[in-house]
Amino acid sequence: MKITFRGDYALRAVLDLAMHYNQGVVTIHELAKRADAPVKFLEQVLLDLKKGGFVESRRGTNGGYFLSRHPQDIKLGEVIRFAEGPIGPIACVDEDYSGCASIYNCVFRKVYKEVAEATSGIIDNITFQDLVNRTKGAKRELAYSI
């Protein structure tokens, strides 16, 4: 699995909106600053996330973006697959793949499938609420001093 800049910005945007869930809308400029992302590029990413049903927007002077669902209801794997496509390390791990003559006895395919299943097992069991909790926990750890 490889995460592109576009996918990384999508994940950062969803996490930021999850961190501010139920606190009103977040402007594109606030998101861009916190995500360290170019505003124009982030606009495109947010438009895609809106089409995917992850975010909603409100227009006008008090406009901005917000999550369309509770962070507990959005899985990390969902957003990764939406932004990046299949998570398998190679196309042959898909059940419908037929582009290889040795697909049924290929030792590499079996390893690749294990990698895809292990990755799915992790990212499909992490919600954005879990990530919010991890982020808040990390901030608390940094706040302690001796």
Protein backbone atom coordinates (compact mmCIF):
# COMPACT_ATOMS: atom_id res chain seq x y z
CA MET A 1 0.00 0.00 0.00
CA LYS A 2 1.32 3.38 -0.97
CA ILE A 3 -0.20 6.65 0.20
CA THR A 4 0.16 9.56 -2.24
CA PHE A 5 0.17 13.23 -1.24
CA ARG A 6 -3.49 13.36 -2.24
CA GLY A 7 -4.31 10.41 0.04
CA ASP A 8 -2.23 11.83 2.87
CA TYR A 9 -4.03 15.17 2.66
CA ALA A 10 -7.39 13.37 2.58
CA LEU A 11 -6.47 11.48 5.76
CA ARG A 12 -5.21 14.65 7.44
CA ALA A 13 -8.37 16.55 6.50
CA VAL A 14 -10.68 13.83 7.84
CA LEU A 15 -8.63 13.59 11.05
CA ASP A 16 -8.70 17.37 11.52
CA LEU A 17 -12.47 17.44 11.01
CA ALA A 18 -12.77 14.53 13.44
CA MET A 19 -10.74 16.48 16.01
CA HIS A 20 -13.25 19.34 15.66
CA TYR A 21 -16.38 17.22 15.36
CA ASN A 22 -19.51 18.95 16.73
CA GLN A 23 -17.61 22.25 17.08
CA GLY A 24 -19.04 23.85 13.95
CA VAL A 25 -17.54 24.16 10.52
CA VAL A 26 -13.83 24.36 9.80
CA THR A 27 -12.66 26.75 7.10
CA ILE A 28 -10.47 25.62 4.24
CA HIS A 29 -7.74 27.98 5.45
CA GLU A 30 -7.78 26.51 8.98
CA LEU A 31 -7.62 23.00 7.54
CA ALA A 32 -4.82 23.89 5.13
CA LYS A 33 -2.75 25.50 7.86
CA ARG A 34 -3.11 22.60 10.31
CA ALA A 35 -2.62 19.96 7.60
CA ASP A 36 0.31 21.88 6.07
CA ALA A 37 -1.39 21.57 2.69
CA PRO A 38 -1.79 23.97 -0.24
CA VAL A 39 -5.31 25.48 -0.16
CA LYS A 40 -6.03 24.84 -3.87
CA PHE A 41 -4.97 21.20 -3.65
CA LEU A 42 -6.91 20.70 -0.42
CA GLU A 43 -10.02 22.15 -2.09
CA GLN A 44 -9.83 19.37 -4.70
CA VAL A 45 -9.30 16.73 -2.02
CA LEU A 46 -12.25 17.99 0.01
CA LEU A 47 -14.45 18.02 -3.08
CA ASP A 48 -13.59 14.35 -3.60
CA LEU A 49 -14.23 13.58 0.08
CA LYS A 50 -17.58 15.32 -0.25
CA LYS A 51 -18.47 13.18 -3.27
CA GLY A 52 -17.43 10.13 -1.26
CA GLY A 53 -19.80 11.04 1.55
CA PHE A 54 -17.13 11.70 4.17
CA VAL A 55 -17.54 15.47 4.50
CA GLU A 56 -20.17 18.11 3.96
CA SER A 57 -19.78 21.81 3.38
CA ARG A 58 -21.60 24.99 4.18
CA ARG A 59 -21.25 27.99 1.90
CA GLY A 60 -21.06 31.64 2.81
CA THR A 61 -19.14 33.85 5.19
CA ASN A 62 -19.60 31.34 8.01
CA GLY A 63 -18.95 28.44 5.68
CA GLY A 64 -16.56 25.57 5.90
CA TYR A 65 -16.38 21.81 6.15
CA PHE A 66 -17.53 19.22 8.66
CA LEU A 67 -17.72 15.44 8.83
CA SER A 68 -20.89 13.88 7.48
CA ARG A 69 -20.71 11.06 10.04
CA HIS A 70 -19.44 10.63 13.57
CA PRO A 71 -15.68 9.85 13.64
CA GLN A 72 -16.52 6.51 15.29
CA ASP A 73 -18.38 5.55 12.10
CA ILE A 74 -15.53 6.27 9.67
CA LYS A 75 -12.85 3.62 9.32
CA LEU A 76 -9.31 4.46 8.29
CA GLY A 77 -9.45 1.77 5.59
CA GLU A 78 -12.57 3.33 4.09
CA VAL A 79 -10.84 6.64 3.49
CA ILE A 80 -7.62 5.04 2.27
CA ARG A 81 -9.44 2.87 -0.27
CA PHE A 82 -11.54 5.84 -1.40
CA ALA A 83 -8.50 8.08 -1.86
CA GLU A 84 -6.00 5.51 -3.12
CA GLY A 85 -7.93 2.54 -4.48
CA PRO A 86 -7.26 -1.10 -3.57
CA ILE A 87 -4.74 -1.69 -0.79
CA GLY A 88 -3.24 -4.88 -2.18
CA PRO A 89 0.46 -4.64 -3.01
CA ILE A 90 -0.19 -6.00 -6.53
CA ALA A 91 -3.23 -6.47 -8.76
CA CYS A 92 -3.14 -10.26 -8.69
CA VAL A 93 -4.44 -10.39 -5.10
CA ASP A 94 -7.90 -9.43 -6.37
CA GLU A 95 -10.22 -12.43 -6.71
CA ASP A 96 -11.26 -11.41 -10.24
CA TYR A 97 -7.68 -11.13 -11.54
CA SER A 98 -6.89 -13.32 -14.55
CA GLY A 99 -3.83 -11.68 -16.10
CA CYS A 100 -1.31 -14.35 -15.10
CA ALA A 101 -1.00 -17.96 -16.26
CA SER A 102 0.48 -19.16 -12.95
CA ILE A 103 -1.94 -17.33 -10.67
CA TYR A 104 -3.17 -20.46 -8.90
CA ASN A 105 0.25 -21.84 -7.95
CA CYS A 106 2.22 -18.62 -7.54
CA VAL A 107 3.99 -18.50 -4.20
CA PHE A 108 4.32 -14.70 -4.43
CA ARG A 109 0.57 -14.23 -4.85
CA LYS A 110 -0.01 -16.10 -1.62
CA VAL A 111 2.44 -13.82 0.22
CA TYR A 112 0.91 -10.72 -1.37
CA LYS A 113 -2.55 -11.85 -0.25
CA GLU A 114 -1.26 -12.28 3.31
CA VAL A 115 0.17 -8.75 3.20
CA ALA A 116 -3.15 -7.35 1.92
CA GLU A 117 -5.12 -9.25 4.57
CA ALA A 118 -2.80 -8.10 7.38
CA THR A 119 -3.01 -4.51 6.21
CA SER A 120 -6.80 -4.70 5.97
CA GLY A 121 -6.94 -6.24 9.43
CA ILE A 122 -5.27 -3.14 10.81
CA ILE A 123 -6.78 -0.27 8.83
CA ASP A 124 -10.30 -1.68 8.86
CA ASN A 125 -10.32 -1.81 12.65
CA ILE A 126 -9.19 1.75 13.31
CA THR A 127 -11.78 4.51 13.35
CA PHE A 128 -11.12 8.21 13.16
CA GLN A 129 -12.35 8.44 16.74
CA ASP A 130 -9.53 6.05 17.68
CA LEU A 131 -7.10 8.37 15.89
CA VAL A 132 -8.54 11.41 17.69
CA ASN A 133 -8.04 9.60 21.00
CA ARG A 134 -4.47 8.69 20.04
CA THR A 135 -3.73 12.29 19.06
CA LYS A 136 -5.14 13.67 22.29
CA GLY A 137 -3.19 11.05 24.27
CA ALA A 138 0.03 12.02 22.50
CA LYS A 139 -0.58 15.70 23.31
CA ARG A 140 -1.10 14.85 26.98
CA GLU A 141 2.17 12.88 27.05
CA LEU A 142 4.02 15.87 25.64
CA ALA A 143 2.53 18.17 28.26
CA TYR A 144 4.20 16.39 31.18
CA SER A 145 7.55 17.64 32.37
CA ILE A 146 9.84 17.05 35.31
